[in-house]
Amino acid sequence: PSTTTTTTTTTTTTTTTTTTSTTSTTSVVWTFDCGSNFVCDPSVETDIYIQMAHMADEAQCEQFCQVGHPTNPCKFFTWVPDTEAHVPNCFQMSECVEMSNPIHGEKSGAWSCEDESIFCGPISEPPQPSYKEALWTCDHGVHPYGGPGTIVFQDTECRTSCPSFEYQSGILQRSEIVVSSTCKYNRSAEVSEWSSAVPGNVLDGHGTLIESASANPVPSCGCPDLVLKGSIEEEEGKVFSCNNQLTVNDGGDTVITDDTECVLLCTGSHMFDLYCLMGSWSEFGLEDAAEISCYSHTTTTTRDPTAPTDPTDGGTAAVTLSTF
């Protein structure tokens, strides 16, 4: 008899699934409760230095300055990142003086923004826009205008300028005068205040002495009276219209004040506008009333108020406006 053998082969397939877990680490940037826009100098040889220590992170450095008030003398602190263990990286100061050239990523803060004695207040409420008033601008983007609660860190320097500023002594200047005022701590009064203006002998556009940023928050940037030789004559087709009545002085010259705005039209065509803009008259070089004419074939020149002052051209930037 014949025997048949059947062989069955079974194949087993094994599927392996590999799961990869990715851990994402997010670095948290610490923000001080009352941080400064610049670094307070932590130099240990100054008379404002208090003490230094090594802290685990900037949060501990900040808390080190915050605890124990009012007996804690720390008013400002500076954190130095990425230091070796046991190397001081947290410095405390009684005042803040700007560090001129920080290179290690340092950052600073005050123990509290509520301590009004260590900050300067705003120099005034935000002013209305004006073409005849100069404003103060400060280092590090600090805005010195504001309401209650606005604070300015010590050693913040602000500046103002205007073409019509003059030295009190009458000294002629070849370039635009720049006046500065800085938030400083007054140790005698134990308050922060705006320093006296530097230089201290500058008059604004209306002849008022600029004493400090807080005393003169919006110095006048008006123009001196424009005195034109002679009087403005009538001509056929000419319209010289102003918002104020022009006056003639005892010498027979026409006087135009800086609150006056005028326009010259010739047979209906607009020739030029005359007005004061940030310390300069729009029509540069206008000296004679006869130049306000439709038939004198004069070239009218205007100062570009957006151009920088160039002392090589007498402090003006002029462009030809029109010739008739």
C-alpha atoms as a PDB file:
ATOM      1  CA  PRO A   1       0.000   0.000   0.000  1.00  0.00           C
ATOM      2  CA  SER A   2       1.173   3.645  -0.743  1.00  0.00           C
ATOM      3  CA  THR A   3       1.469   6.253   2.086  1.00  0.00           C
ATOM      4  CA  THR A   4       1.148  10.011   1.363  1.00  0.00           C
ATOM      5  CA  THR A   5       2.684  12.491   3.775  1.00  0.00           C
ATOM      6  CA  THR A   6       1.531  16.140   3.747  1.00  0.00           C
ATOM      7  CA  THR A   7       3.800  18.803   5.211  1.00  0.00           C
ATOM      8  CA  THR A   8       2.316  22.161   6.223  1.00  0.00           C
ATOM      9  CA  THR A   9       4.614  25.152   6.643  1.00  0.00           C
ATOM     10  CA  THR A  10       3.414  28.065   8.739  1.00  0.00           C
ATOM     11  CA  THR A  11       5.076  31.462   8.370  1.00  0.00           C
ATOM     12  CA  THR A  12       4.767  33.913  11.211  1.00  0.00           C
ATOM     13  CA  THR A  13       5.351  37.614  10.539  1.00  0.00           C
ATOM     14  CA  THR A  14       6.229  39.807  13.447  1.00  0.00           C
ATOM     15  CA  THR A  15       5.707  43.580  13.144  1.00  0.00           C
ATOM     16  CA  THR A  16       7.675  45.765  15.472  1.00  0.00           C
ATOM     17  CA  THR A  17       6.477  49.275  16.082  1.00  0.00           C
ATOM     18  CA  THR A  18       8.988  51.734  17.403  1.00  0.00           C
ATOM     19  CA  THR A  19       7.742  54.820  19.185  1.00  0.00           C
ATOM     20  CA  THR A  20      10.098  57.785  19.477  1.00  0.00           C
ATOM     21  CA  SER A  21       9.409  60.309  22.211  1.00  0.00           C
ATOM     22  CA  THR A  22      10.730  63.813  21.733  1.00  0.00           C
ATOM     23  CA  THR A  23      11.092  66.004  24.761  1.00  0.00           C
ATOM     24  CA  SER A  24      10.955  69.733  24.019  1.00  0.00           C
ATOM     25  CA  THR A  25      12.606  72.032  26.482  1.00  0.00           C
ATOM     26  CA  THR A  26      11.448  75.641  26.532  1.00  0.00           C
ATOM     27  CA  SER A  27      13.798  78.220  27.973  1.00  0.00           C
ATOM     28  CA  VAL A  28      11.970  80.663  30.201  1.00  0.00           C
ATOM     29  CA  VAL A  29      13.198  84.276  30.043  1.00  0.00           C
ATOM     30  CA  TRP A  30      12.862  85.884  33.448  1.00  0.00           C
ATOM     31  CA  THR A  31      11.409  89.370  33.546  1.00  0.00           C
ATOM     32  CA  PHE A  32      12.139  91.531  36.559  1.00  0.00           C
ATOM     33  CA  ASP A  33       9.189  93.095  38.388  1.00  0.00           C
ATOM     34  CA  CYS A  34      10.768  96.527  37.857  1.00  0.00           C
ATOM     35  CA  GLY A  35      13.371  96.138  35.134  1.00  0.00           C
ATOM     36  CA  SER A  36      15.552  98.866  33.676  1.00  0.00           C
ATOM     37  CA  ASN A  37      16.129  99.668  29.994  1.00  0.00           C
ATOM     38  CA  PHE A  38      19.872  99.806  30.643  1.00  0.00           C
ATOM     39  CA  VAL A  39      22.450  98.256  32.969  1.00  0.00           C
ATOM     40  CA  CYS A  40      23.226  99.843  36.334  1.00  0.00           C
ATOM     41  CA  ASP A  41      26.998  99.850  36.848  1.00  0.00           C
ATOM     42  CA  PRO A  42      27.899  97.187  39.459  1.00  0.00           C
ATOM     43  CA  SER A  43      31.512  98.337  39.955  1.00  0.00           C
ATOM     44  CA  VAL A  44      32.576  97.537  43.503  1.00  0.00           C
ATOM     45  CA  GLU A  45      34.870 100.567  43.815  1.00  0.00           C
ATOM     46  CA  THR A  46      32.003 103.086  43.689  1.00  0.00           C
ATOM     47  CA  ASP A  47      30.332 104.651  46.714  1.00  0.00           C
ATOM     48  CA  ILE A  48      26.936 103.304  45.637  1.00  0.00           C
ATOM     49  CA  TYR A  49      28.028  99.637  45.761  1.00  0.00           C
ATOM     50  CA  ILE A  50      26.540  97.663  48.679  1.00  0.00           C
ATOM     51  CA  GLN A  51      27.348  93.967  48.330  1.00  0.00           C
ATOM     52  CA  MET A  52      27.645  91.052  45.904  1.00  0.00           C
ATOM     53  CA  ALA A  53      26.846  87.339  46.019  1.00  0.00           C
ATOM     54  CA  HIS A  54      26.440  84.274  43.822  1.00  0.00           C
ATOM     55  CA  MET A  55      22.827  83.398  43.119  1.00  0.00           C
ATOM     56  CA  ALA A  56      21.350  80.397  41.326  1.00  0.00           C
ATOM     57  CA  ASP A  57      19.394  82.551  38.879  1.00  0.00           C
ATOM     58  CA  GLU A  58      18.137  86.093  38.225  1.00  0.00           C
ATOM     59  CA  ALA A  59      14.946  85.462  40.195  1.00  0.00           C
ATOM     60  CA  GLN A  60      16.961  84.863  43.354  1.00  0.00           C
ATOM     61  CA  CYS A  61      19.071  87.922  42.590  1.00  0.00           C
ATOM     62  CA  GLU A  62      15.950  90.067  42.377  1.00  0.00           C
ATOM     63  CA  GLN A  63      14.479  88.600  45.576  1.00  0.00           C
ATOM     64  CA  PHE A  64      17.799  89.187  47.334  1.00  0.00           C
ATOM     65  CA  CYS A  65      17.261  92.929  46.766  1.00  0.00           C
ATOM     66  CA  GLN A  66      13.525  92.897  47.518  1.00  0.00           C
ATOM     67  CA  VAL A  67      13.435  91.226  50.938  1.00  0.00           C
ATOM     68  CA  GLY A  68      13.773  93.066  54.222  1.00  0.00           C
ATOM     69  CA  HIS A  69      12.671  96.543  53.217  1.00  0.00           C
ATOM     70  CA  PRO A  70      12.779  99.204  54.556  1.00  0.00           C
ATOM     71  CA  THR A  71      15.904  98.095  56.432  1.00  0.00           C
ATOM     72  CA  ASN A  72      17.440  96.527  53.327  1.00  0.00           C
ATOM     73  CA  PRO A  73      19.605  99.276  51.741  1.00  0.00           C
ATOM     74  CA  CYS A  74      19.407  97.706  48.260  1.00  0.00           C
ATOM     75  CA  LYS A  75      17.603  99.928  45.762  1.00  0.00           C
ATOM     76  CA  PHE A  76      18.984  98.549  42.479  1.00  0.00           C
ATOM     77  CA  PHE A  77      20.612  95.306  41.429  1.00  0.00           C
ATOM     78  CA  THR A  78      22.503  93.940  38.439  1.00  0.00           C
ATOM     79  CA  TRP A  79      22.522  90.288  37.349  1.00  0.00           C
ATOM     80  CA  VAL A  80      25.480  88.832  35.408  1.00  0.00           C
ATOM     81  CA  PRO A  81      24.576  85.573  33.606  1.00  0.00           C
ATOM     82  CA  ASP A  82      26.737  82.532  32.786  1.00  0.00           C
ATOM     83  CA  THR A  83      29.223  82.812  35.621  1.00  0.00           C
ATOM     84  CA  GLU A  84      31.167  79.978  37.206  1.00  0.00           C
ATOM     85  CA  ALA A  85      29.989  78.554  40.489  1.00  0.00           C
ATOM     86  CA  HIS A  86      30.826  80.695  43.484  1.00  0.00           C
ATOM     87  CA  VAL A  87      31.767  83.654  41.269  1.00  0.00           C
ATOM     88  CA  PRO A  88      29.669  86.716  42.268  1.00  0.00           C
ATOM     89  CA  ASN A  89      26.898  87.312  39.762  1.00  0.00           C
ATOM     90  CA  CYS A  90      24.440  89.479  41.716  1.00  0.00           C
ATOM     91  CA  PHE A  91      25.356  93.024  42.719  1.00  0.00           C
ATOM     92  CA  GLN A  92      23.411  95.485  44.861  1.00  0.00           C
ATOM     93  CA  MET A  93      23.576  99.292  44.665  1.00  0.00           C
ATOM     94  CA  SER A  94      21.987 102.219  46.481  1.00  0.00           C
ATOM     95  CA  GLU A  95      21.719 104.246  43.254  1.00  0.00           C
ATOM     96  CA  CYS A  96      21.720 103.509  39.538  1.00  0.00           C
ATOM     97  CA  VAL A  97      24.459 104.877  37.284  1.00  0.00           C
ATOM     98  CA  GLU A  98      24.408 103.617  33.721  1.00  0.00           C
ATOM     99  CA  MET A  99      27.146 101.152  32.774  1.00  0.00           C
ATOM    100  CA  SER A 100      28.825 102.556  29.693  1.00  0.00           C
ATOM    101  CA  ASN A 101      29.694  99.322  27.891  1.00  0.00           C
ATOM    102  CA  PRO A 102      28.028  96.131  29.181  1.00  0.00           C
ATOM    103  CA  ILE A 103      29.373  93.081  27.334  1.00  0.00           C
ATOM    104  CA  HIS A 104      28.222  90.020  29.261  1.00  0.00           C
ATOM    105  CA  GLY A 105      24.440  90.228  28.903  1.00  0.00           C
ATOM    106  CA  GLU A 106      23.954  91.931  32.243  1.00  0.00           C
ATOM    107  CA  LYS A 107      20.550  93.286  33.178  1.00  0.00           C
ATOM    108  CA  SER A 108      19.307  95.424  36.021  1.00  0.00           C
ATOM    109  CA  GLY A 109      16.233  96.331  37.988  1.00  0.00           C
ATOM    110  CA  ALA A 110      14.945  98.208  41.003  1.00  0.00           C
ATOM    111  CA  TRP A 111      13.667  96.584  44.157  1.00  0.00           C
ATOM    112  CA  SER A 112      10.191  98.101  43.548  1.00  0.00           C
ATOM    113  CA  CYS A 113       8.520 100.421  41.054  1.00  0.00           C
ATOM    114  CA  GLU A 114       6.407 101.736  43.935  1.00  0.00           C
ATOM    115  CA  ASP A 115       9.353 103.472  45.624  1.00  0.00           C
ATOM    116  CA  GLU A 116       8.812 106.978  44.221  1.00  0.00           C
ATOM    117  CA  SER A 117      11.975 108.344  45.835  1.00  0.00           C
ATOM    118  CA  ILE A 118      14.296 106.410  43.515  1.00  0.00           C
ATOM    119  CA  PHE A 119      12.616 107.464  40.247  1.00  0.00           C
ATOM    120  CA  CYS A 120      11.913 110.720  38.480  1.00  0.00           C
ATOM    121  CA  GLY A 121       8.313 111.375  37.624  1.00  0.00           C
ATOM    122  CA  PRO A 122       7.087 112.475  34.197  1.00  0.00           C
ATOM    123  CA  ILE A 123       8.074 115.979  33.173  1.00  0.00           C
ATOM    124  CA  SER A 124       4.448 116.718  32.204  1.00  0.00           C
ATOM    125  CA  GLU A 125       1.300 115.230  30.760  1.00  0.00           C
ATOM    126  CA  PRO A 126       1.659 114.246  27.081  1.00  0.00           C
ATOM    127  CA  PRO A 127       1.560 117.554  25.156  1.00  0.00           C
ATOM    128  CA  GLN A 128      -0.620 118.277  22.169  1.00  0.00           C
ATOM    129  CA  PRO A 129       1.203 118.148  18.822  1.00  0.00           C
ATOM    130  CA  SER A 130       2.625 121.546  17.902  1.00  0.00           C
ATOM    131  CA  TYR A 131       4.923 122.942  15.224  1.00  0.00           C
ATOM    132  CA  LYS A 132       6.117 125.643  17.597  1.00  0.00           C
ATOM    133  CA  GLU A 133       7.134 123.624  20.667  1.00  0.00           C
ATOM    134  CA  ALA A 134      10.178 121.446  21.160  1.00  0.00           C
ATOM    135  CA  LEU A 135       9.925 118.106  22.960  1.00  0.00           C
ATOM    136  CA  TRP A 136      12.386 116.167  25.088  1.00  0.00           C
ATOM    137  CA  THR A 137      13.614 112.800  23.824  1.00  0.00           C
ATOM    138  CA  CYS A 138      15.531 110.372  26.024  1.00  0.00           C
ATOM    139  CA  ASP A 139      18.073 107.596  25.736  1.00  0.00           C
ATOM    140  CA  HIS A 140      16.957 103.954  25.453  1.00  0.00           C
ATOM    141  CA  GLY A 141      13.533 104.892  24.095  1.00  0.00           C
ATOM    142  CA  VAL A 142      12.352 106.282  27.439  1.00  0.00           C
ATOM    143  CA  HIS A 143       9.294 108.539  27.082  1.00  0.00           C
ATOM    144  CA  PRO A 144       9.427 111.330  29.706  1.00  0.00           C
ATOM    145  CA  TYR A 145       5.800 112.431  29.320  1.00  0.00           C
ATOM    146  CA  GLY A 146       2.892 110.721  31.054  1.00  0.00           C
ATOM    147  CA  GLY A 147       0.415 110.693  33.871  1.00  0.00           C
ATOM    148  CA  PRO A 148       0.517 109.300  37.415  1.00  0.00           C
ATOM    149  CA  GLY A 149       2.491 106.078  37.629  1.00  0.00           C
ATOM    150  CA  THR A 150       4.993 107.055  34.941  1.00  0.00           C
ATOM    151  CA  ILE A 151       8.520 106.486  36.231  1.00  0.00           C
ATOM    152  CA  VAL A 152      11.943 107.278  34.796  1.00  0.00           C
ATOM    153  CA  PHE A 153      15.041 105.429  36.021  1.00  0.00           C
ATOM    154  CA  GLN A 154      17.959 107.327  37.491  1.00  0.00           C
ATOM    155  CA  ASP A 155      20.685 108.386  35.025  1.00  0.00           C
ATOM    156  CA  THR A 156      18.277 108.598  32.085  1.00  0.00           C
ATOM    157  CA  GLU A 157      19.441 111.518  29.943  1.00  0.00           C
ATOM    158  CA  CYS A 158      16.976 113.536  27.839  1.00  0.00           C
ATOM    159  CA  ARG A 159      17.627 116.202  25.215  1.00  0.00           C
ATOM    160  CA  THR A 160      15.799 118.955  23.357  1.00  0.00           C
ATOM    161  CA  SER A 161      16.802 121.250  20.512  1.00  0.00           C
ATOM    162  CA  CYS A 162      15.398 123.869  18.170  1.00  0.00           C
ATOM    163  CA  PRO A 163      16.889 126.180  15.524  1.00  0.00           C
ATOM    164  CA  SER A 164      15.579 129.236  17.390  1.00  0.00           C
ATOM    165  CA  PHE A 165      17.311 128.396  20.697  1.00  0.00           C
ATOM    166  CA  GLU A 166      19.900 131.031  21.592  1.00  0.00           C
ATOM    167  CA  TYR A 167      22.602 131.424  24.224  1.00  0.00           C
ATOM    168  CA  GLN A 168      21.684 133.885  26.957  1.00  0.00           C
ATOM    169  CA  SER A 169      24.990 135.685  26.488  1.00  0.00           C
ATOM    170  CA  GLY A 170      24.204 136.353  22.842  1.00  0.00           C
ATOM    171  CA  ILE A 171      27.056 134.169  21.580  1.00  0.00           C
ATOM    172  CA  LEU A 172      26.458 133.172  17.991  1.00  0.00           C
ATOM    173  CA  GLN A 173      26.351 129.450  17.223  1.00  0.00           C
ATOM    174  CA  ARG A 174      27.080 127.729  13.923  1.00  0.00           C
ATOM    175  CA  SER A 175      25.031 124.634  14.707  1.00  0.00           C
ATOM    176  CA  GLU A 176      21.753 123.875  16.432  1.00  0.00           C
ATOM    177  CA  ILE A 177      21.919 124.058  20.234  1.00  0.00           C
ATOM    178  CA  VAL A 178      21.172 120.821  22.102  1.00  0.00           C
ATOM    179  CA  VAL A 179      20.141 121.035  25.773  1.00  0.00           C
ATOM    180  CA  SER A 180      20.215 118.013  28.095  1.00  0.00           C
ATOM    181  CA  SER A 181      18.701 117.181  31.490  1.00  0.00           C
ATOM    182  CA  THR A 182      19.220 113.938  33.443  1.00  0.00           C
ATOM    183  CA  CYS A 183      17.302 112.107  36.161  1.00  0.00           C
ATOM    184  CA  LYS A 184      19.633 112.166  39.184  1.00  0.00           C
ATOM    185  CA  TYR A 185      19.336 111.120  42.828  1.00  0.00           C
ATOM    186  CA  ASN A 186      19.563 114.025  45.267  1.00  0.00           C
ATOM    187  CA  ARG A 187      21.185 112.547  48.370  1.00  0.00           C
ATOM    188  CA  SER A 188      20.404 115.557  50.526  1.00  0.00           C
ATOM    189  CA  ALA A 189      16.700 115.533  49.717  1.00  0.00           C
ATOM    190  CA  GLU A 190      16.660 111.713  49.297  1.00  0.00           C
ATOM    191  CA  VAL A 191      14.608 111.960  46.109  1.00  0.00           C
ATOM    192  CA  SER A 192      15.275 111.624  42.397  1.00  0.00           C
ATOM    193  CA  GLU A 193      14.867 114.780  40.336  1.00  0.00           C
ATOM    194  CA  TRP A 194      15.646 116.256  36.947  1.00  0.00           C
ATOM    195  CA  SER A 195      19.044 117.917  36.843  1.00  0.00           C
ATOM    196  CA  SER A 196      19.706 121.474  35.768  1.00  0.00           C
ATOM    197  CA  ALA A 197      19.913 121.966  32.024  1.00  0.00           C
ATOM    198  CA  VAL A 198      23.286 121.588  30.305  1.00  0.00           C
ATOM    199  CA  PRO A 199      24.287 124.076  29.035  1.00  0.00           C
ATOM    200  CA  GLY A 200      22.504 126.268  31.537  1.00  0.00           C
ATOM    201  CA  ASN A 201      22.413 129.511  29.561  1.00  0.00           C
ATOM    202  CA  VAL A 202      20.069 128.672  26.687  1.00  0.00           C
ATOM    203  CA  LEU A 203      16.918 130.618  25.870  1.00  0.00           C
ATOM    204  CA  ASP A 204      14.016 129.022  24.024  1.00  0.00           C
ATOM    205  CA  GLY A 205      12.224 130.532  21.042  1.00  0.00           C
ATOM    206  CA  HIS A 206      10.369 133.010  23.255  1.00  0.00           C
ATOM    207  CA  GLY A 207      13.412 134.042  25.278  1.00  0.00           C
ATOM    208  CA  THR A 208      12.647 131.883  28.327  1.00  0.00           C
ATOM    209  CA  LEU A 209      15.644 130.331  30.098  1.00  0.00           C
ATOM    210  CA  ILE A 210      15.596 126.514  29.877  1.00  0.00           C
ATOM    211  CA  GLU A 211      16.230 125.390  33.469  1.00  0.00           C
ATOM    212  CA  SER A 212      15.501 121.636  33.365  1.00  0.00           C
ATOM    213  CA  ALA A 213      13.299 119.053  31.686  1.00  0.00           C
ATOM    214  CA  SER A 214      10.678 119.326  34.431  1.00  0.00           C
ATOM    215  CA  ALA A 215      10.752 123.142  34.586  1.00  0.00           C
ATOM    216  CA  ASN A 216      10.500 123.488  30.794  1.00  0.00           C
ATOM    217  CA  PRO A 217       8.688 120.374  29.517  1.00  0.00           C
ATOM    218  CA  VAL A 218       7.765 121.962  26.163  1.00  0.00           C
ATOM    219  CA  PRO A 219      10.244 124.757  25.352  1.00  0.00           C
ATOM    220  CA  SER A 220       9.055 127.226  22.771  1.00  0.00           C
ATOM    221  CA  CYS A 221      10.354 126.496  19.291  1.00  0.00           C
ATOM    222  CA  GLY A 222       8.824 129.548  17.693  1.00  0.00           C
ATOM    223  CA  CYS A 223      10.456 131.938  15.261  1.00  0.00           C
ATOM    224  CA  PRO A 224      11.777 135.439  15.815  1.00  0.00           C
ATOM    225  CA  ASP A 225       9.615 138.131  14.262  1.00  0.00           C
ATOM    226  CA  LEU A 226      10.099 138.258  10.509  1.00  0.00           C
ATOM    227  CA  VAL A 227      10.841 141.898   9.723  1.00  0.00           C
ATOM    228  CA  LEU A 228      10.607 142.715   6.023  1.00  0.00           C
ATOM    229  CA  LYS A 229      12.012 145.954   4.651  1.00  0.00           C
ATOM    230  CA  GLY A 230       9.212 148.219   3.467  1.00  0.00           C
ATOM    231  CA  SER A 231       5.539 147.410   3.088  1.00  0.00           C
ATOM    232  CA  ILE A 232       3.721 144.864   0.946  1.00  0.00           C
ATOM    233  CA  GLU A 233       2.258 146.641  -2.063  1.00  0.00           C
ATOM    234  CA  GLU A 234      -0.939 145.767  -3.897  1.00  0.00           C
ATOM    235  CA  GLU A 235      -0.613 144.319  -7.394  1.00  0.00           C
ATOM    236  CA  GLU A 236      -3.105 143.276 -10.021  1.00  0.00           C
ATOM    237  CA  GLY A 237      -3.845 139.574  -9.664  1.00  0.00           C
ATOM    238  CA  LYS A 238      -1.968 139.248  -6.350  1.00  0.00           C
ATOM    239  CA  VAL A 239      -3.558 137.986  -3.155  1.00  0.00           C
ATOM    240  CA  PHE A 240      -1.388 137.821  -0.029  1.00  0.00           C
ATOM    241  CA  SER A 241      -3.703 136.536   2.670  1.00  0.00           C
ATOM    242  CA  CYS A 242      -2.787 136.035   6.339  1.00  0.00           C
ATOM    243  CA  ASN A 243      -4.676 134.786   9.384  1.00  0.00           C
ATOM    244  CA  ASN A 244      -3.477 137.791  11.425  1.00  0.00           C
ATOM    245  CA  GLN A 245      -3.289 141.485  10.679  1.00  0.00           C
ATOM    246  CA  LEU A 246       0.261 142.436   9.670  1.00  0.00           C
ATOM    247  CA  THR A 247       1.820 145.436  11.392  1.00  0.00           C
ATOM    248  CA  VAL A 248       4.260 148.081  10.208  1.00  0.00           C
ATOM    249  CA  ASN A 249       6.821 149.328  12.731  1.00  0.00           C
ATOM    250  CA  ASP A 250       8.002 152.907  13.238  1.00  0.00           C
ATOM    251  CA  GLY A 251      10.659 152.395  10.610  1.00  0.00           C
ATOM    252  CA  GLY A 252       8.092 151.522   7.983  1.00  0.00           C
ATOM    253  CA  ASP A 253       9.000 147.815   7.893  1.00  0.00           C
ATOM    254  CA  THR A 254       6.488 144.972   7.844  1.00  0.00           C
ATOM    255  CA  VAL A 255       6.489 142.730  10.958  1.00  0.00           C
ATOM    256  CA  ILE A 256       5.165 139.154  10.815  1.00  0.00           C
ATOM    257  CA  THR A 257       4.893 137.227  14.105  1.00  0.00           C
ATOM    258  CA  ASP A 258       5.342 133.465  14.427  1.00  0.00           C
ATOM    259  CA  ASP A 259       1.631 132.867  15.016  1.00  0.00           C
ATOM    260  CA  THR A 260       0.887 134.251  11.544  1.00  0.00           C
ATOM    261  CA  GLU A 261       0.334 132.065   8.489  1.00  0.00           C
ATOM    262  CA  CYS A 262       0.117 133.550   5.009  1.00  0.00           C
ATOM    263  CA  VAL A 263      -0.362 132.412   1.424  1.00  0.00           C
ATOM    264  CA  LEU A 264       0.610 134.142  -1.824  1.00  0.00           C
ATOM    265  CA  LEU A 265      -1.638 133.648  -4.854  1.00  0.00           C
ATOM    266  CA  CYS A 266      -0.924 135.119  -8.280  1.00  0.00           C
ATOM    267  CA  THR A 267      -3.891 135.188 -10.684  1.00  0.00           C
ATOM    268  CA  GLY A 268      -5.250 132.243  -8.733  1.00  0.00           C
ATOM    269  CA  SER A 269      -2.030 130.199  -8.815  1.00  0.00           C
ATOM    270  CA  HIS A 270      -0.518 129.152  -5.500  1.00  0.00           C
ATOM    271  CA  MET A 271       3.008 130.520  -5.163  1.00  0.00           C
ATOM    272  CA  PHE A 272       4.051 129.821  -1.586  1.00  0.00           C
ATOM    273  CA  ASP A 273       2.954 129.590   2.040  1.00  0.00           C
ATOM    274  CA  LEU A 274       4.662 131.597   4.763  1.00  0.00           C
ATOM    275  CA  TYR A 275       4.637 130.167   8.289  1.00  0.00           C
ATOM    276  CA  CYS A 276       6.851 129.290  11.242  1.00  0.00           C
ATOM    277  CA  LEU A 277       7.813 125.625  11.525  1.00  0.00           C
ATOM    278  CA  MET A 278       9.956 124.332  14.419  1.00  0.00           C
ATOM    279  CA  GLY A 279      11.996 127.487  14.831  1.00  0.00           C
ATOM    280  CA  SER A 280      12.436 128.444  11.165  1.00  0.00           C
ATOM    281  CA  TRP A 281      10.404 130.477   8.697  1.00  0.00           C
ATOM    282  CA  SER A 282       9.243 128.385   5.742  1.00  0.00           C
ATOM    283  CA  GLU A 283      10.514 130.975   3.253  1.00  0.00           C
ATOM    284  CA  PHE A 284      14.232 131.111   3.863  1.00  0.00           C
ATOM    285  CA  GLY A 285      16.004 134.324   2.937  1.00  0.00           C
ATOM    286  CA  LEU A 286      12.911 136.502   2.696  1.00  0.00           C
ATOM    287  CA  GLU A 287      14.107 139.996   3.688  1.00  0.00           C
ATOM    288  CA  ASP A 288      12.244 142.583   1.640  1.00  0.00           C
ATOM    289  CA  ALA A 289       8.487 143.130   1.386  1.00  0.00           C
ATOM    290  CA  ALA A 290       8.989 143.719  -2.332  1.00  0.00           C
ATOM    291  CA  GLU A 291       9.854 140.016  -2.667  1.00  0.00           C
ATOM    292  CA  ILE A 292       6.207 139.199  -1.948  1.00  0.00           C
ATOM    293  CA  SER A 293       5.277 140.010  -5.510  1.00  0.00           C
ATOM    294  CA  CYS A 294       3.853 138.368  -8.586  1.00  0.00           C
ATOM    295  CA  TYR A 295       5.876 140.398 -11.096  1.00  0.00           C
ATOM    296  CA  SER A 296       9.313 140.932  -9.597  1.00  0.00           C
ATOM    297  CA  HIS A 297      10.702 137.692 -11.078  1.00  0.00           C
ATOM    298  CA  THR A 298      12.136 136.661  -7.723  1.00  0.00           C
ATOM    299  CA  THR A 299      13.123 133.172  -6.716  1.00  0.00           C
ATOM    300  CA  THR A 300      11.552 132.042  -3.466  1.00  0.00           C
ATOM    301  CA  THR A 301      13.537 129.636  -1.328  1.00  0.00           C
ATOM    302  CA  THR A 302      12.178 127.508   1.498  1.00  0.00           C
ATOM    303  CA  ARG A 303      13.936 125.653   4.262  1.00  0.00           C
ATOM    304  CA  ASP A 304      13.341 121.910   4.382  1.00  0.00           C
ATOM    305  CA  PRO A 305      12.454 121.298   8.078  1.00  0.00           C
ATOM    306  CA  THR A 306      13.189 117.577   7.760  1.00  0.00           C
ATOM    307  CA  ALA A 307      16.765 118.107   6.618  1.00  0.00           C
ATOM    308  CA  PRO A 308      19.567 117.988   9.219  1.00  0.00           C
ATOM    309  CA  THR A 309      21.259 121.222  10.182  1.00  0.00           C
ATOM    310  CA  ASP A 310      24.557 121.630   8.347  1.00  0.00           C
ATOM    311  CA  PRO A 311      26.929 124.157   9.948  1.00  0.00           C
ATOM    312  CA  THR A 312      28.841 124.479   6.654  1.00  0.00           C
ATOM    313  CA  ASP A 313      25.899 126.226   5.007  1.00  0.00           C
ATOM    314  CA  GLY A 314      25.086 128.534   7.882  1.00  0.00           C
ATOM    315  CA  GLY A 315      22.706 126.089   9.555  1.00  0.00           C
ATOM    316  CA  THR A 316      20.155 125.891   6.748  1.00  0.00           C
ATOM    317  CA  ALA A 317      18.923 123.352   4.260  1.00  0.00           C
ATOM    318  CA  ALA A 318      17.279 125.245   1.409  1.00  0.00           C
ATOM    319  CA  VAL A 319      15.484 124.198  -1.748  1.00  0.00           C
ATOM    320  CA  THR A 320      13.964 126.297  -4.518  1.00  0.00           C
ATOM    321  CA  LEU A 321      10.196 126.399  -4.176  1.00  0.00           C
ATOM    322  CA  SER A 322       9.020 128.532  -7.101  1.00  0.00           C
ATOM    323  CA  THR A 323       9.949 131.223  -9.581  1.00  0.00           C
ATOM    324  CA  PHE A 324       7.402 133.498 -11.154  1.00  0.00           C
END
